[in-house]
Structure formats: structure tokens, C-alpha cells
């Protein structure tokens, strides 16, 4: 039987897996057993699940399978950042980045879509357009693949794609990330980043507890309309209202990502407006200097401009952290490794043409 007709168990969270197994006449506790084999021991073959009977394993093998991802390319920076390119079964590809943090910890940045429909002006991924949503299995398999060789302390859904544009699959993937039978990450160890889909932000808050990061990048609708077309649908007033209403743990804050672009959004007037926008919101600001890449006319601000912007926020009791750009010596910006791989494939294809 082809895998297309089988159920990929990595597409199912605990409740869904329980229902699947009950449909086979199996006990509920089997779901936890199987999830632990898959996510805590990295097993992809039912034959290796030795605490299940041979009959049960055989039955599973004709009704289900456990997918996997294999690395197509890896680039490693001198600062320890690693970028992985994974090829999917239909030929699409996604990127995942492992970022070393202070104290020997690490954060894994995973993708939720192949490409992206949001068309943010500063984002290389947006130039590919949206190819498709990732399945639940393709989201969690990025974590599985990296954890085979590396410790991963935190997860951020900040890679390719807009997570809230693939909301149902992302929520199921989050359930697997949080489940004690799955990866067992606490909700404070996982953050989801959005460009600002307001109805989906509210739905996310109703359905699951997860850290929220908002890609803000501008302090006026006029500038944000140009940088992030989604703002024309959900302007700053609506976005900030949704952020004020988002449910948070007592010590939790919304992270506002602010990519500083020279001459576009890095003035002290922008900093002043940002303080007003954040009034009444439990938030912090991650300041990120624009990472220049081929094909973009945007430039990185000067050190003086970045420092002045940050100081203005700090002086007004806004938590403002400057995020060091990691992986500057590799394909660091999201989409660069995919673009390089596509270009190399195209060159190889052209070489074969008469």
C-alpha cells in the first residue's frame, strides 16, 4: 500500500491519535506509548516499538507510517548558527535555523509554509510566493530532524511562512510540541511570530497558550503599508488592540520585532511613536538591524542610529533588546539558502540543455 493511502502519525496530536487508535479497537493509553516512541526516542519504524505486540505493530504498518525529513544542505556559521535546508516529498523545500544562545542553550527557528503570501518588502521568502502550507508532520519533523544531533531548548515559529495563515496545522503542531508524551516543551519555551493577522491572533489566544511575537517594523500606517501589505487590511490600531487583548501568563510579554531599516523606520520620531503604540501593552521590543541581501534596496542603519533608537526606548522604560545578527557569513536571511539551492539546481539544469 502506498504511503499516500496511509495515515502519517506525525500529523496527529494526542487526541487525534487516540481517536485513530480507538478506531482500530485499541486502548487509549497506546497513544501516549506511541508518541513517546516517535518524539522522545526518534523511532520511525513500528518494528522498533518493542513494548507493542508484534500483531499490533503489524496492524499499524498496514494502516499508518511515520514520516521523516532528511537534510539536503547545511551551512554553519563561525558563530555556531546552523541553517538546514529540507526537501519535502513534492520537491518543495523549507529552511530551519539552529541559533546558539547564551549559557550554552539554543533556539530552533522553524518554518510553517513553503514560501509566503504576505509579500513583506524586506523579506526574501516573500519573493518566492506561497507554494503551500506545511502539513503538521512537516512542521514537527523539522524539530525531530535537528534534535537527532542537537539539543534544542526553545522553539520559535519565525521561519519561512506566516504561521497564522496555516492556523489549524500550526495549532496541532503546537499541541505536539507541548504534550508531555511528545516533545514536552512548556508554553513559555515556544513563540509564534506573526505579521499581524488580527482575527487569527484572537483565535490563537482562544485555542492555545503560546508566546506571541508580532513583526511590527513601522510606527505609521503609511510606512507599514509599504513594508507589510497586510497592514492595509489590519492597520496598526486594530493590530495593537488585538495585542492588548491577547492572553498572557503573569510574567509573559508580547515580543515586538522591529527590523531597523536605514532612512525608513530608524528615526527618533519613529522611536517616539513606538513608545505611544506600546502604551498599555505588556511587551518588549527586539531591535534587529536589517540583514542586507541581493535584490533588496534596503540598507542596514548606522551603529549610531541603532544605539540612539534603543536608548530612547530604554530611557522611557521600554524593554528594548538589540538582537545580534547571527550567521552573517552564511545564507543568514530567511530564504537565502533556499534561493541558493534553487539557483544551483537551475544552473545544473541549464548545463544539461543543448
Protein backbone atom coordinates (compact mmCIF):
# COMPACT_ATOMS: atom_id res chain seq x y z
CA UNK A 1 0.00 0.00 0.00
CA UNK A 2 1.42 3.45 -0.91
CA UNK A 3 2.10 5.95 1.84
CA UNK A 4 -0.46 8.27 0.24
CA UNK A 5 -3.21 5.93 1.44
CA UNK A 6 -1.73 5.52 4.92
CA UNK A 7 -2.04 7.84 7.92
CA UNK A 8 1.11 9.70 8.88
CA UNK A 9 1.04 9.55 12.67
CA UNK A 10 3.08 12.75 12.87
CA UNK A 11 0.03 14.60 11.53
CA UNK A 12 -1.91 13.68 14.69
CA UNK A 13 -1.80 15.22 18.14
CA UNK A 14 -2.58 13.15 21.24
CA UNK A 15 -6.37 13.44 20.95
CA UNK A 16 -6.35 12.69 17.24
CA UNK A 17 -4.00 9.73 17.68
CA UNK A 18 -6.21 8.40 20.48
CA UNK A 19 -9.25 8.57 18.19
CA UNK A 20 -7.30 6.86 15.38
CA UNK A 21 -6.27 4.01 17.68
CA UNK A 22 -9.73 3.66 19.17
CA UNK A 23 -10.96 3.19 15.61
CA UNK A 24 -8.66 0.18 15.49
CA UNK A 25 -10.11 -1.12 18.75
CA UNK A 26 -7.01 -0.19 20.79
CA UNK A 27 -6.75 1.18 24.31
CA UNK A 28 -6.40 4.93 24.88
CA UNK A 29 -3.06 4.62 26.68
CA UNK A 30 -1.49 3.32 23.47
CA UNK A 31 -1.47 6.88 22.09
CA UNK A 32 0.97 8.05 24.75
CA UNK A 33 3.10 4.97 24.23
CA UNK A 34 3.42 5.57 20.51
CA UNK A 35 4.02 9.32 20.85
CA UNK A 36 6.87 8.69 23.26
CA UNK A 37 8.48 6.29 20.78
CA UNK A 38 8.14 8.83 17.99
CA UNK A 39 9.12 12.10 19.67
CA UNK A 40 11.26 11.12 22.65
CA UNK A 41 13.13 8.19 21.12
CA UNK A 42 13.05 9.23 17.48
CA UNK A 43 11.64 5.94 16.21
CA UNK A 44 10.25 5.88 12.66
CA UNK A 45 9.75 2.11 12.29
CA UNK A 46 6.91 0.34 14.10
CA UNK A 47 9.12 -2.76 14.36
CA UNK A 48 11.29 -0.89 16.88
CA UNK A 49 8.37 -0.23 19.27
CA UNK A 50 9.22 -3.24 21.37
CA UNK A 51 6.59 -2.76 24.09
CA UNK A 52 3.83 -3.22 21.49
CA UNK A 53 2.82 -6.71 20.46
CA UNK A 54 4.01 -7.98 17.09
CA UNK A 55 0.38 -8.24 15.99
CA UNK A 56 -0.27 -4.59 16.88
CA UNK A 57 2.91 -3.45 15.14
CA UNK A 58 1.97 -5.38 12.05
CA UNK A 59 -1.52 -3.86 12.06
CA UNK A 60 -0.09 -0.38 12.38
CA UNK A 61 2.30 -0.93 9.48
CA UNK A 62 -0.55 -1.56 7.04
CA UNK A 63 -2.61 1.41 8.21
CA UNK A 64 -0.08 4.08 9.11
CA UNK A 65 3.50 5.27 8.75
CA UNK A 66 5.88 7.68 10.48
CA UNK A 67 7.39 10.29 8.18
CA UNK A 68 10.85 11.76 8.43
CA UNK A 69 12.88 14.61 6.98
CA UNK A 70 16.41 14.34 5.67
CA UNK A 71 18.77 17.25 5.34
CA UNK A 72 19.57 18.37 1.80
CA UNK A 73 22.04 21.11 2.75
CA UNK A 74 23.58 22.60 5.88
CA UNK A 75 25.52 25.81 6.35
CA UNK A 76 27.32 26.56 9.60
CA UNK A 77 28.47 30.00 10.69
CA UNK A 78 31.61 30.74 12.63
CA UNK A 79 29.29 31.91 15.45
CA UNK A 80 27.72 28.43 15.64
CA UNK A 81 24.48 29.21 13.81
CA UNK A 82 23.38 26.33 11.59
CA UNK A 83 20.93 26.62 8.72
CA UNK A 84 19.29 23.45 7.39
CA UNK A 85 17.52 23.02 4.06
CA UNK A 86 14.96 20.22 3.97
CA UNK A 87 13.48 18.86 0.75
CA UNK A 88 9.82 17.83 1.01
CA UNK A 89 8.20 14.90 -0.77
CA UNK A 90 6.73 17.07 -3.53
CA UNK A 91 10.03 18.80 -4.25
CA UNK A 92 9.33 21.95 -2.25
CA UNK A 93 11.95 22.98 0.31
CA UNK A 94 11.96 24.75 3.68
CA UNK A 95 14.62 26.20 5.94
CA UNK A 96 15.24 25.69 9.64
CA UNK A 97 17.84 27.56 11.69
CA UNK A 98 19.51 26.50 14.95
CA UNK A 99 20.72 29.57 16.83
CA UNK A 100 23.16 29.30 19.77
CA UNK A 101 22.22 31.41 22.78
CA UNK A 102 24.00 32.50 25.93
CA UNK A 103 24.69 29.86 28.55
CA UNK A 104 25.03 27.04 26.04
CA UNK A 105 21.34 26.98 25.19
CA UNK A 106 19.87 27.03 21.70
CA UNK A 107 16.77 28.19 19.85
CA UNK A 108 15.37 26.48 16.77
CA UNK A 109 13.58 28.64 14.21
CA UNK A 110 11.15 26.54 12.17
CA UNK A 111 9.05 27.14 9.06
CA UNK A 112 5.28 26.72 8.71
CA UNK A 113 4.80 27.26 4.97
CA UNK A 114 6.74 26.68 1.77
CA UNK A 115 7.11 30.27 0.66
CA UNK A 116 4.84 33.03 1.94
CA UNK A 117 1.88 35.03 0.67
CA UNK A 118 2.41 38.12 2.84
CA UNK A 119 4.91 39.87 0.49
CA UNK A 120 6.69 41.91 3.16
CA UNK A 121 9.05 44.23 1.30
CA UNK A 122 12.14 43.38 3.38
CA UNK A 123 11.67 39.58 3.33
CA UNK A 124 13.39 37.34 0.81
CA UNK A 125 10.97 34.47 1.42
CA UNK A 126 8.10 36.60 0.14
CA UNK A 127 9.73 36.79 -3.28
CA UNK A 128 9.10 33.05 -3.74
CA UNK A 129 5.35 33.49 -3.24
CA UNK A 130 3.28 30.95 -1.34
CA UNK A 131 3.78 27.44 -2.63
CA UNK A 132 1.66 25.70 0.02
CA UNK A 133 1.01 25.21 3.71
CA UNK A 134 3.15 22.69 5.52
CA UNK A 135 1.44 19.64 6.97
CA UNK A 136 1.63 19.13 10.73
CA UNK A 137 4.20 16.39 10.12
CA UNK A 138 6.40 18.71 8.05
CA UNK A 139 6.39 21.27 10.86
CA UNK A 140 7.25 18.87 13.68
CA UNK A 141 9.69 16.91 11.54
CA UNK A 142 11.98 19.95 11.40
CA UNK A 143 12.29 19.65 15.18
CA UNK A 144 12.75 15.87 15.00
CA UNK A 145 15.49 16.16 12.38
CA UNK A 146 17.54 18.76 14.25
CA UNK A 147 17.08 17.07 17.64
CA UNK A 148 18.64 13.90 16.26
CA UNK A 149 22.02 15.63 16.54
CA UNK A 150 21.50 18.76 18.65
CA UNK A 151 19.87 19.87 21.89
CA UNK A 152 17.03 22.33 21.29
CA UNK A 153 15.91 24.41 24.27
CA UNK A 154 13.44 26.81 22.66
CA UNK A 155 11.29 26.86 19.53
CA UNK A 156 10.30 29.90 17.51
CA UNK A 157 7.92 29.76 14.57
CA UNK A 158 9.69 32.56 12.75
CA UNK A 159 10.99 30.77 9.68
CA UNK A 160 9.51 30.67 6.21
CA UNK A 161 5.80 31.47 6.01
CA UNK A 162 3.15 33.14 8.15
CA UNK A 163 2.13 30.71 10.93
CA UNK A 164 -1.36 32.16 11.35
CA UNK A 165 -2.01 31.66 7.63
CA UNK A 166 -1.73 27.93 8.38
CA UNK A 167 -3.53 28.15 11.71
CA UNK A 168 -5.09 24.70 12.14
CA UNK A 169 -1.92 22.79 11.25
CA UNK A 170 0.18 25.11 13.40
CA UNK A 171 -2.07 24.62 16.43
CA UNK A 172 -1.90 20.84 16.05
CA UNK A 173 1.90 21.08 15.78
CA UNK A 174 1.93 23.22 18.94
CA UNK A 175 -0.11 20.58 20.77
CA UNK A 176 2.58 18.02 19.88
CA UNK A 177 5.36 20.39 20.95
CA UNK A 178 3.67 20.95 24.32
CA UNK A 179 2.48 17.39 25.04
CA UNK A 180 4.41 15.56 27.73
CA UNK A 181 4.20 12.46 25.54
CA UNK A 182 5.52 14.48 22.61
CA UNK A 183 8.37 16.98 22.83
CA UNK A 184 7.36 18.25 26.26
CA UNK A 185 8.18 21.91 25.73
CA UNK A 186 6.49 24.30 28.13
CA UNK A 187 4.37 27.00 26.53
CA UNK A 188 6.96 29.59 27.60
CA UNK A 189 9.58 27.77 25.54
CA UNK A 190 7.70 28.26 22.26
CA UNK A 191 6.97 31.52 20.45
CA UNK A 192 4.90 32.13 17.36
CA UNK A 193 5.63 35.14 15.17
CA UNK A 194 3.02 36.83 13.00
CA UNK A 195 2.97 39.77 10.61
CA UNK A 196 -0.39 40.77 12.08
CA UNK A 197 -3.42 38.70 11.03
CA UNK A 198 -5.77 40.18 13.59
CA UNK A 199 -8.70 37.68 13.58
CA UNK A 200 -6.24 34.78 13.74
CA UNK A 201 -4.33 36.38 16.64
CA UNK A 202 -7.59 36.43 18.58
CA UNK A 203 -8.43 32.85 17.58
CA UNK A 204 -4.95 31.67 18.55
CA UNK A 205 -5.37 33.21 22.01
CA UNK A 206 -8.70 31.39 22.45
CA UNK A 207 -7.43 27.99 21.33
CA UNK A 208 -3.96 27.58 22.84
CA UNK A 209 -1.44 29.24 25.15
CA UNK A 210 1.72 30.19 23.27
CA UNK A 211 4.15 33.08 23.31
CA UNK A 212 3.36 35.72 20.71
CA UNK A 213 5.77 37.81 18.66
CA UNK A 214 4.50 40.49 16.30
CA UNK A 215 6.55 41.67 13.36
CA UNK A 216 5.86 45.40 13.68
CA UNK A 217 8.62 47.27 11.81
CA UNK A 218 6.87 50.61 11.47
CA UNK A 219 5.09 53.20 13.59
CA UNK A 220 2.74 54.70 10.99
CA UNK A 221 0.22 53.06 8.71
CA UNK A 222 1.75 54.81 5.71
CA UNK A 223 5.17 53.20 6.22
CA UNK A 224 3.82 49.86 7.37
CA UNK A 225 1.52 49.69 4.32
CA UNK A 226 4.62 49.86 2.14
CA UNK A 227 6.70 47.45 4.19
CA UNK A 228 3.95 44.98 5.08
CA UNK A 229 0.89 44.86 2.79
CA UNK A 230 -1.14 43.04 5.47
CA UNK A 231 -1.37 46.41 7.23
CA UNK A 232 -3.79 47.63 4.57
CA UNK A 233 -6.23 45.00 5.80
CA UNK A 234 -5.44 45.21 9.51
CA UNK A 235 -3.98 48.65 10.32
CA UNK A 236 -1.95 49.44 13.40
CA UNK A 237 -4.94 50.48 15.53
CA UNK A 238 -6.59 47.06 15.05
CA UNK A 239 -3.34 45.16 15.47
CA UNK A 240 -2.42 46.89 18.72
CA UNK A 241 -5.95 46.37 20.08
CA UNK A 242 -5.62 42.61 19.43
CA UNK A 243 -2.27 42.63 21.21
CA UNK A 244 -3.77 44.35 24.27
CA UNK A 245 -6.39 41.60 24.46
CA UNK A 246 -4.03 38.65 23.91
CA UNK A 247 -3.98 36.34 26.97
CA UNK A 248 -0.59 36.18 28.68
CA UNK A 249 0.90 34.42 31.68
CA UNK A 250 1.70 36.74 34.59
CA UNK A 251 5.38 37.08 33.66
CA UNK A 252 4.91 36.87 29.91
CA UNK A 253 5.25 39.70 27.41
CA UNK A 254 4.44 40.05 23.73
CA UNK A 255 7.60 40.45 21.69
CA UNK A 256 7.51 43.18 19.07
CA UNK A 257 10.05 42.56 16.35
CA UNK A 258 11.31 45.76 14.82
CA UNK A 259 13.66 45.48 11.86
CA UNK A 260 15.56 48.75 11.64
CA UNK A 261 15.98 49.93 8.05
CA UNK A 262 18.14 52.93 7.29
CA UNK A 263 16.12 56.01 6.40
CA UNK A 264 12.82 54.13 6.58
CA UNK A 265 11.92 53.46 10.22
CA UNK A 266 15.01 54.21 12.31
CA UNK A 267 14.49 57.86 13.30
CA UNK A 268 13.94 59.21 16.80
CA UNK A 269 10.48 60.27 15.64
CA UNK A 270 9.79 56.59 14.95
CA UNK A 271 11.07 55.70 18.42
CA UNK A 272 8.76 58.27 19.97
CA UNK A 273 5.74 56.91 18.08
CA UNK A 274 6.70 53.36 19.06
CA UNK A 275 6.53 54.30 22.75
CA UNK A 276 3.00 55.62 22.20
CA UNK A 277 1.94 52.49 20.28
CA UNK A 278 3.08 50.21 23.09
CA UNK A 279 1.27 52.10 25.84
CA UNK A 280 -0.82 49.70 27.92
CA UNK A 281 0.68 46.53 26.40
CA UNK A 282 2.86 44.06 28.28
CA UNK A 283 5.56 43.96 25.67
CA UNK A 284 9.22 44.11 24.84
CA UNK A 285 10.96 45.18 21.65
CA UNK A 286 13.53 43.15 19.73
CA UNK A 287 15.56 45.54 17.60
CA UNK A 288 17.04 43.81 14.57
CA UNK A 289 19.31 45.58 12.12
CA UNK A 290 18.22 44.84 8.56
CA UNK A 291 20.25 41.98 7.07
CA UNK A 292 21.16 43.15 3.58
CA UNK A 293 20.74 40.65 0.75
CA UNK A 294 20.99 40.68 -3.02
CA UNK A 295 17.99 42.19 -4.76
CA UNK A 296 16.98 44.48 -1.89
CA UNK A 297 17.48 48.25 -1.92
CA UNK A 298 17.15 48.49 1.87
CA UNK A 299 20.25 49.23 3.92
CA UNK A 300 21.43 48.50 7.45
CA UNK A 301 21.29 51.58 9.74
CA UNK A 302 24.43 53.05 11.23
CA UNK A 303 25.55 51.99 14.69
CA UNK A 304 24.77 55.49 15.89
CA UNK A 305 21.18 55.34 14.65
CA UNK A 306 20.61 51.92 16.21
CA UNK A 307 22.04 52.97 19.57
CA UNK A 308 20.03 56.21 19.63
CA UNK A 309 16.80 54.34 18.83
CA UNK A 310 17.41 51.77 21.56
CA UNK A 311 18.43 54.39 24.13
CA UNK A 312 15.25 56.39 23.53
CA UNK A 313 13.13 53.31 24.30
CA UNK A 314 15.17 52.28 27.34
CA UNK A 315 15.02 55.78 28.78
CA UNK A 316 11.22 55.52 28.69
CA UNK A 317 11.10 52.13 30.46
CA UNK A 318 10.51 50.09 27.31
CA UNK A 319 12.38 46.78 27.38
CA UNK A 320 14.38 47.04 24.16
CA UNK A 321 16.85 44.32 23.30
CA UNK A 322 19.19 44.54 20.36
CA UNK A 323 19.35 41.14 18.74
CA UNK A 324 22.76 40.37 17.32
CA UNK A 325 22.58 39.22 13.73
CA UNK A 326 23.60 35.58 13.64
CA UNK A 327 25.07 33.71 10.72
CA UNK A 328 26.33 36.75 8.83
CA UNK A 329 28.90 34.62 7.00
CA UNK A 330 26.33 32.12 5.70
CA UNK A 331 22.93 32.38 3.99
CA UNK A 332 21.55 34.03 7.10
CA UNK A 333 18.38 35.79 5.96
CA UNK A 334 15.33 33.57 5.73
CA UNK A 335 15.09 32.21 2.18
CA UNK A 336 18.72 32.67 1.19
CA UNK A 337 19.68 29.01 1.41
CA UNK A 338 16.55 28.01 -0.49
CA UNK A 339 17.33 30.65 -3.11
CA UNK A 340 20.91 29.46 -3.43
CA UNK A 341 19.79 25.84 -3.76
CA UNK A 342 17.21 26.77 -6.41
CA UNK A 343 19.80 28.78 -8.33
CA UNK A 344 22.27 25.90 -8.25
CA UNK A 345 19.59 23.46 -9.43
CA UNK A 346 18.69 25.85 -12.21
CA UNK A 347 22.31 26.21 -13.25
CA UNK A 348 22.71 22.43 -13.32
CA UNK A 349 19.56 22.14 -15.40
CA UNK A 350 20.83 24.78 -17.84
CA UNK A 351 24.15 22.99 -18.15
CA UNK A 352 22.28 19.90 -19.36
CA UNK A 353 20.43 21.80 -22.06
CA UNK A 354 21.90 21.60 -25.58
